[in-house]
C-alpha atoms as a PDB file:
ATOM      1  CA  MET A   1       0.000   0.000   0.000  1.00  0.00           C
ATOM      2  CA  GLN A   2       1.209   3.480  -0.810  1.00  0.00           C
ATOM      3  CA  ILE A   3       0.059   6.970   0.166  1.00  0.00           C
ATOM      4  CA  VAL A   4       0.261   9.752  -2.420  1.00  0.00           C
ATOM      5  CA  ALA A   5      -1.036  13.303  -2.614  1.00  0.00           C
ATOM      6  CA  VAL A   6      -2.282  14.544  -5.980  1.00  0.00           C
ATOM      7  CA  THR A   7      -2.389  18.263  -6.711  1.00  0.00           C
ATOM      8  CA  VAL A   8      -2.377  20.714  -9.606  1.00  0.00           C
ATOM      9  CA  ASP A   9       0.812  22.342  -8.304  1.00  0.00           C
ATOM     10  CA  PRO A  10       4.052  22.001 -10.318  1.00  0.00           C
ATOM     11  CA  PRO A  11       6.685  19.450  -9.207  1.00  0.00           C
ATOM     12  CA  ASP A  12       9.137  22.061  -7.870  1.00  0.00           C
ATOM     13  CA  LYS A  13       6.466  23.465  -5.537  1.00  0.00           C
ATOM     14  CA  LEU A  14       5.490  19.956  -4.431  1.00  0.00           C
ATOM     15  CA  LEU A  15       9.078  19.153  -3.514  1.00  0.00           C
ATOM     16  CA  LYS A  16       9.274  22.293  -1.366  1.00  0.00           C
ATOM     17  CA  VAL A  17       6.044  21.373   0.436  1.00  0.00           C
ATOM     18  CA  LYS A  18       7.148  17.774   0.898  1.00  0.00           C
ATOM     19  CA  ASN A  19      10.434  18.900   2.416  1.00  0.00           C
ATOM     20  CA  LYS A  20       8.812  21.585   4.568  1.00  0.00           C
ATOM     21  CA  ILE A  21       6.350  19.179   6.182  1.00  0.00           C
ATOM     22  CA  ASP A  22       8.827  16.277   6.138  1.00  0.00           C
ATOM     23  CA  ALA A  23       6.250  14.098   4.371  1.00  0.00           C
ATOM     24  CA  GLU A  24       6.879  10.377   4.209  1.00  0.00           C
ATOM     25  CA  PHE A  25       4.641  10.013   1.170  1.00  0.00           C
ATOM     26  CA  ASN A  26       4.941  11.108  -2.446  1.00  0.00           C
ATOM     27  CA  PHE A  27       3.235  13.940  -4.297  1.00  0.00           C
ATOM     28  CA  ILE A  28       1.964  13.727  -7.879  1.00  0.00           C
ATOM     29  CA  SER A  29       1.621  16.843 -10.022  1.00  0.00           C
ATOM     30  CA  ASP A  30      -1.545  16.766 -12.148  1.00  0.00           C
ATOM     31  CA  PRO A  31      -1.737  20.272 -13.690  1.00  0.00           C
ATOM     32  CA  ASP A  32      -4.101  19.154 -16.471  1.00  0.00           C
ATOM     33  CA  LEU A  33      -6.389  17.401 -13.925  1.00  0.00           C
ATOM     34  CA  LYS A  34      -6.351  14.171 -15.968  1.00  0.00           C
ATOM     35  CA  LEU A  35      -5.955  11.900 -12.950  1.00  0.00           C
ATOM     36  CA  MET A  36      -8.399  13.981 -10.952  1.00  0.00           C
ATOM     37  CA  ASP A  37     -10.978  13.767 -13.751  1.00  0.00           C
ATOM     38  CA  GLN A  38     -10.639   9.987 -13.701  1.00  0.00           C
ATOM     39  CA  PHE A  39     -11.927  10.015 -10.117  1.00  0.00           C
ATOM     40  CA  GLY A  40     -14.370  12.937 -10.391  1.00  0.00           C
ATOM     41  CA  LEU A  41     -12.285  15.370  -8.351  1.00  0.00           C
ATOM     42  CA  ARG A  42     -12.442  18.466 -10.585  1.00  0.00           C
ATOM     43  CA  HIS A  43     -14.029  21.495  -8.908  1.00  0.00           C
ATOM     44  CA  GLU A  44     -14.933  23.641 -11.897  1.00  0.00           C
ATOM     45  CA  ASN A  45     -14.219  27.338 -11.347  1.00  0.00           C
ATOM     46  CA  GLY A  46     -13.208  26.534  -7.778  1.00  0.00           C
ATOM     47  CA  ASN A  47     -10.073  28.634  -7.844  1.00  0.00           C
ATOM     48  CA  PRO A  48     -10.806  32.134  -6.477  1.00  0.00           C
ATOM     49  CA  ILE A  49      -8.394  33.643  -9.019  1.00  0.00           C
ATOM     50  CA  GLY A  50      -9.962  31.671 -11.875  1.00  0.00           C
ATOM     51  CA  GLY A  51      -9.868  28.176 -13.243  1.00  0.00           C
ATOM     52  CA  ASP A  52     -10.516  24.686 -12.006  1.00  0.00           C
ATOM     53  CA  ILE A  53      -8.963  23.042  -8.957  1.00  0.00           C
ATOM     54  CA  ALA A  54      -9.187  19.664  -7.290  1.00  0.00           C
ATOM     55  CA  ARG A  55     -11.851  18.791  -4.737  1.00  0.00           C
ATOM     56  CA  PRO A  56     -10.436  17.550  -1.463  1.00  0.00           C
ATOM     57  CA  ALA A  57     -10.858  13.808  -1.221  1.00  0.00           C
ATOM     58  CA  THR A  58      -9.374  10.710   0.302  1.00  0.00           C
ATOM     59  CA  LEU A  59      -9.364   7.655  -1.962  1.00  0.00           C
ATOM     60  CA  LEU A  60      -8.206   4.086  -1.721  1.00  0.00           C
ATOM     61  CA  VAL A  61      -7.332   2.862  -5.210  1.00  0.00           C
ATOM     62  CA  SER A  62      -6.090  -0.595  -6.197  1.00  0.00           C
ATOM     63  CA  LYS A  63      -2.906  -1.066  -8.211  1.00  0.00           C
ATOM     64  CA  GLU A  64      -5.178  -1.673 -11.196  1.00  0.00           C
ATOM     65  CA  GLY A  65      -6.838   1.734 -10.750  1.00  0.00           C
ATOM     66  CA  THR A  66     -10.125   0.497  -9.253  1.00  0.00           C
ATOM     67  CA  LEU A  67     -11.671   2.790  -6.660  1.00  0.00           C
ATOM     68  CA  LEU A  68     -12.023   0.766  -3.436  1.00  0.00           C
ATOM     69  CA  TRP A  69     -13.178   3.465  -0.995  1.00  0.00           C
ATOM     70  CA  SER A  70     -13.647   7.217  -1.006  1.00  0.00           C
ATOM     71  CA  SER A  71     -14.429  10.225   1.150  1.00  0.00           C
ATOM     72  CA  TYR A  72     -15.512  13.480  -0.514  1.00  0.00           C
ATOM     73  CA  PRO A  73     -16.086  16.072   2.221  1.00  0.00           C
ATOM     74  CA  GLU A  74     -18.186  19.149   1.512  1.00  0.00           C
ATOM     75  CA  ASN A  75     -15.795  21.232   3.630  1.00  0.00           C
ATOM     76  CA  TYR A  76     -12.112  21.105   2.665  1.00  0.00           C
ATOM     77  CA  ARG A  77     -11.146  21.313   6.339  1.00  0.00           C
ATOM     78  CA  ILE A  78     -12.872  18.030   7.145  1.00  0.00           C
ATOM     79  CA  ARG A  79     -10.895  14.866   6.548  1.00  0.00           C
ATOM     80  CA  PRO A  80     -11.641  11.277   7.494  1.00  0.00           C
ATOM     81  CA  ARG A  81     -10.057  10.079  10.716  1.00  0.00           C
ATOM     82  CA  PRO A  82      -6.955   7.929  10.186  1.00  0.00           C
ATOM     83  CA  ASN A  83      -8.617   4.986  11.944  1.00  0.00           C
ATOM     84  CA  ASP A  84     -11.520   5.150   9.489  1.00  0.00           C
ATOM     85  CA  VAL A  85      -9.136   5.089   6.513  1.00  0.00           C
ATOM     86  CA  LEU A  86      -7.167   2.188   8.007  1.00  0.00           C
ATOM     87  CA  ALA A  87     -10.380   0.243   8.647  1.00  0.00           C
ATOM     88  CA  ALA A  88     -11.469   0.813   5.034  1.00  0.00           C
ATOM     89  CA  ALA A  89      -8.044  -0.289   3.771  1.00  0.00           C
ATOM     90  CA  LYS A  90      -8.171  -3.472   5.844  1.00  0.00           C
ATOM     91  CA  LYS A  91     -11.660  -4.237   4.567  1.00  0.00           C
ATOM     92  CA  ALA A  92     -10.609  -3.572   0.953  1.00  0.00           C
ATOM     93  CA  MET A  93      -7.663  -5.940   1.395  1.00  0.00           C
ATOM     94  CA  GLY A  94      -9.964  -8.672   2.684  1.00  0.00           C
ATOM     95  CA  GLY A  95      -9.083  -8.251   6.366  1.00  0.00           C
END
């Protein structure tokens, strides 16, 4: 299992953020929102300065690209609790 963060930000900015927060997971730059569109994460005209951005979401995706579990909060400040994500991952893995 692997944790990744997907964002529209360019790779150089992602590296700075990763280093600043000392993240132990990888970041993926998706400026064209292709990956985000695959999972319905585009927030059209969501950027206050114009353009589309990604909706906040937590997804569990198989290696084959199948969506196993998801959380799409209405408020970007709300995230699922880690224990809830771990329970969903265990269930998705047959445990």
